[in-house]
N, C-alpha and C. Protein backbone atom coordinates (compact mmCIF):
# COMPACT_ATOMS: atom_id res chain seq x y z
N MET A 1 115.26 119.78 86.20
CA MET A 1 115.49 120.32 87.85
C MET A 1 114.64 120.04 88.92
N PRO A 2 115.50 119.34 89.72
CA PRO A 2 114.53 118.96 91.15
C PRO A 2 114.21 120.26 91.78
N LYS A 3 113.36 119.89 92.68
CA LYS A 3 112.64 121.14 93.47
C LYS A 3 113.43 121.33 94.62
N LEU A 4 113.90 122.54 95.16
CA LEU A 4 114.59 122.82 96.53
C LEU A 4 113.91 122.50 97.50
N LYS A 5 114.31 122.04 98.65
CA LYS A 5 113.83 121.75 99.65
C LYS A 5 113.78 123.34 101.00
N THR A 6 112.98 123.73 101.15
CA THR A 6 112.96 124.76 102.71
C THR A 6 112.98 124.44 103.41
N CYS A 7 113.87 125.00 104.34
CA CYS A 7 114.92 124.91 105.91
C CYS A 7 113.51 125.14 106.37
N LYS A 8 112.76 124.37 107.45
CA LYS A 8 111.79 124.82 107.71
C LYS A 8 112.05 125.52 109.08
N SER A 9 113.29 125.68 110.07
CA SER A 9 113.64 126.47 111.39
C SER A 9 113.49 127.56 110.96
N ALA A 10 114.06 127.93 109.37
CA ALA A 10 114.13 129.26 109.32
C ALA A 10 112.99 129.59 108.33
N LYS A 11 112.06 129.20 108.19
CA LYS A 11 110.73 129.55 107.61
C LYS A 11 110.15 129.97 109.10
N LYS A 12 110.12 129.06 110.04
CA LYS A 12 109.19 129.54 111.24
C LYS A 12 109.84 131.28 112.09
N ARG A 13 110.89 131.07 111.57
CA ARG A 13 111.58 132.37 112.31
C ARG A 13 111.71 133.77 111.93
N PHE A 14 111.62 133.89 110.18
CA PHE A 14 112.18 134.59 109.18
C PHE A 14 110.80 134.46 108.59
N ARG A 15 110.27 136.28 108.12
CA ARG A 15 109.69 136.39 107.35
C ARG A 15 109.87 137.63 106.01
N LYS A 16 109.54 137.72 104.71
CA LYS A 16 110.06 138.71 103.88
C LYS A 16 109.10 139.53 103.93
N THR A 17 109.58 140.72 103.82
CA THR A 17 108.89 142.16 103.60
C THR A 17 108.21 141.98 101.93
N CYS A 18 107.93 143.09 101.49
CA CYS A 18 107.41 143.62 99.88
C CYS A 18 108.64 143.46 99.42
N THR A 19 109.49 144.58 100.11
CA THR A 19 110.90 144.96 99.40
C THR A 19 112.07 143.61 99.06
N GLY A 20 111.22 142.98 99.45
CA GLY A 20 112.63 141.53 99.91
C GLY A 20 113.43 141.19 100.62
N LYS A 21 113.36 142.33 101.98
CA LYS A 21 113.92 141.96 102.96
C LYS A 21 113.54 141.22 103.89
N PHE A 22 114.45 140.13 104.95
CA PHE A 22 114.06 139.58 105.65
C PHE A 22 113.69 139.95 107.56
N ILE A 23 112.81 139.80 108.04
CA ILE A 23 112.55 140.39 109.66
C ILE A 23 113.24 139.04 110.79
N ARG A 24 113.24 139.39 111.66
CA ARG A 24 113.50 138.34 112.53
C ARG A 24 113.30 139.11 113.94
N ARG A 25 113.20 138.03 114.70
CA ARG A 25 112.82 138.89 115.89
C ARG A 25 114.12 138.86 116.92
N ARG A 26 114.13 139.70 117.70
CA ARG A 26 115.21 139.97 118.52
C ARG A 26 115.91 139.42 119.42
N ALA A 27 117.23 138.52 119.72
CA ALA A 27 117.20 137.89 120.75
C ALA A 27 117.02 138.26 122.46
N GLY A 28 117.44 137.13 123.56
CA GLY A 28 116.98 138.30 124.51
C GLY A 28 115.75 138.51 125.07
N LYS A 29 115.08 137.95 124.37
CA LYS A 29 113.31 138.16 125.26
C LYS A 29 112.91 136.94 125.32
N GLY A 30 113.66 136.03 125.59
CA GLY A 30 112.90 134.45 125.71
C GLY A 30 112.65 134.31 127.37
N HIS A 31 113.61 134.78 128.25
CA HIS A 31 113.64 134.29 129.67
C HIS A 31 114.88 135.07 130.25
N ILE A 32 115.07 135.22 131.46
CA ILE A 32 115.27 136.04 132.70
C ILE A 32 114.73 137.57 132.36
N LEU A 33 113.62 137.66 132.69
CA LEU A 33 112.95 139.01 132.51
C LEU A 33 113.09 140.23 133.14
N GLU A 34 112.75 139.38 134.96
CA GLU A 34 113.00 140.12 135.91
C GLU A 34 114.05 141.24 136.37
N LYS A 35 114.99 141.01 135.60
CA LYS A 35 116.33 142.09 135.82
C LYS A 35 116.20 143.12 134.60
N LYS A 36 115.49 142.83 133.52
CA LYS A 36 115.84 143.46 132.61
C LYS A 36 114.82 144.78 132.86
N THR A 37 114.85 146.11 132.64
CA THR A 37 114.34 147.27 132.44
C THR A 37 113.28 147.17 131.46
N THR A 38 111.77 147.43 131.93
CA THR A 38 110.50 147.63 130.57
C THR A 38 110.62 148.25 129.57
N LYS A 39 111.92 149.48 129.57
CA LYS A 39 112.18 149.70 128.00
C LYS A 39 113.04 148.71 127.28
N ARG A 40 113.90 147.89 128.19
CA ARG A 40 115.18 147.04 127.12
C ARG A 40 114.12 146.58 127.13
N LYS A 41 112.98 145.58 127.52
CA LYS A 41 111.84 145.13 126.82
C LYS A 41 111.15 145.10 126.31
N ARG A 42 110.81 146.30 126.16
CA ARG A 42 109.93 147.15 125.13
C ARG A 42 110.46 146.72 123.92
N ASN A 43 111.71 147.67 123.76
CA ASN A 43 112.74 147.67 122.67
C ASN A 43 112.92 145.83 121.70
N LEU A 44 113.40 145.39 122.72
CA LEU A 44 114.05 143.50 122.50
C LEU A 44 112.36 143.28 121.54
N SER A 45 111.10 143.63 121.88
CA SER A 45 109.37 143.28 121.26
C SER A 45 109.47 143.61 119.88
N ARG A 46 110.56 144.74 119.31
CA ARG A 46 110.43 144.97 118.26
C ARG A 46 111.17 144.18 117.19
N LYS A 47 111.07 143.98 115.64
CA LYS A 47 111.16 143.11 114.63
C LYS A 47 112.87 144.42 114.28
N MET A 48 113.00 143.38 113.59
CA MET A 48 114.54 143.82 113.15
C MET A 48 115.23 143.50 111.68
N VAL A 49 115.55 143.84 111.04
CA VAL A 49 115.80 143.67 109.28
C VAL A 49 117.32 142.70 109.50
N VAL A 50 117.14 141.70 108.72
CA VAL A 50 118.13 140.84 108.83
C VAL A 50 119.58 141.94 108.10
N SER A 51 120.90 141.76 108.55
CA SER A 51 121.82 142.39 107.31
C SER A 51 121.61 141.83 106.33
N PHE A 52 122.56 142.13 105.45
CA PHE A 52 122.65 141.92 103.75
C PHE A 52 123.29 140.26 104.21
N GLY A 53 124.58 140.08 104.81
CA GLY A 53 124.99 138.95 104.13
C GLY A 53 124.58 137.94 104.60
N GLU A 54 123.21 137.88 105.79
CA GLU A 54 122.33 137.00 106.19
C GLU A 54 121.81 136.72 105.04
N SER A 55 121.15 138.11 104.80
CA SER A 55 119.94 137.77 103.74
C SER A 55 120.63 136.47 103.01
N LEU A 56 121.38 136.48 102.27
CA LEU A 56 121.80 135.86 101.05
C LEU A 56 121.85 134.77 101.57
N VAL A 57 122.34 134.36 102.76
CA VAL A 57 122.19 133.30 103.34
C VAL A 57 120.64 132.24 103.42
N LEU A 58 119.60 133.34 103.80
CA LEU A 58 118.34 133.21 103.83
C LEU A 58 117.69 133.08 102.03
N ARG A 59 118.30 133.36 101.31
CA ARG A 59 117.85 133.17 100.21
C ARG A 59 117.68 131.65 99.75
N THR A 60 119.16 130.96 100.24
CA THR A 60 119.02 129.68 99.29
C THR A 60 118.05 128.55 100.87
N MET A 61 117.90 129.06 102.37
CA MET A 61 117.37 128.10 102.84
C MET A 61 115.96 128.48 102.42
N LEU A 62 115.68 129.57 101.90
CA LEU A 62 113.77 129.86 101.73
C LEU A 62 114.00 129.81 100.07
N PRO A 63 114.21 129.40 99.62
CA PRO A 63 113.89 129.23 98.03
C PRO A 63 112.89 129.81 97.32
N TYR A 64 111.57 129.58 97.89
CA TYR A 64 110.24 129.45 97.64
C TYR A 64 109.87 130.87 97.95
N MET A 65 110.01 131.61 99.15
CA MET A 65 109.52 132.90 100.16
C MET A 65 109.59 134.33 99.74
C-alpha cells in the first residue's frame, strides 16, 4: 500500500493533544485589532478544540499525526 501524503497547510494550523483531539487557533486575531476590546483579544488568544466532525476530516489530512 502506498504512503499517504500529509496536508502541509493543516499541519501548520493544527496540533494533536494526548487524548487525540485537535487544537486550533481562534479566528479574528489577525488584523483590525484597534476596535476590539482587550478582553475580546485576550479570549481570542486562547486555543480551541476542533469539533468532532471536523476532526474526522483532519484525520485523513494528517494521517501520521
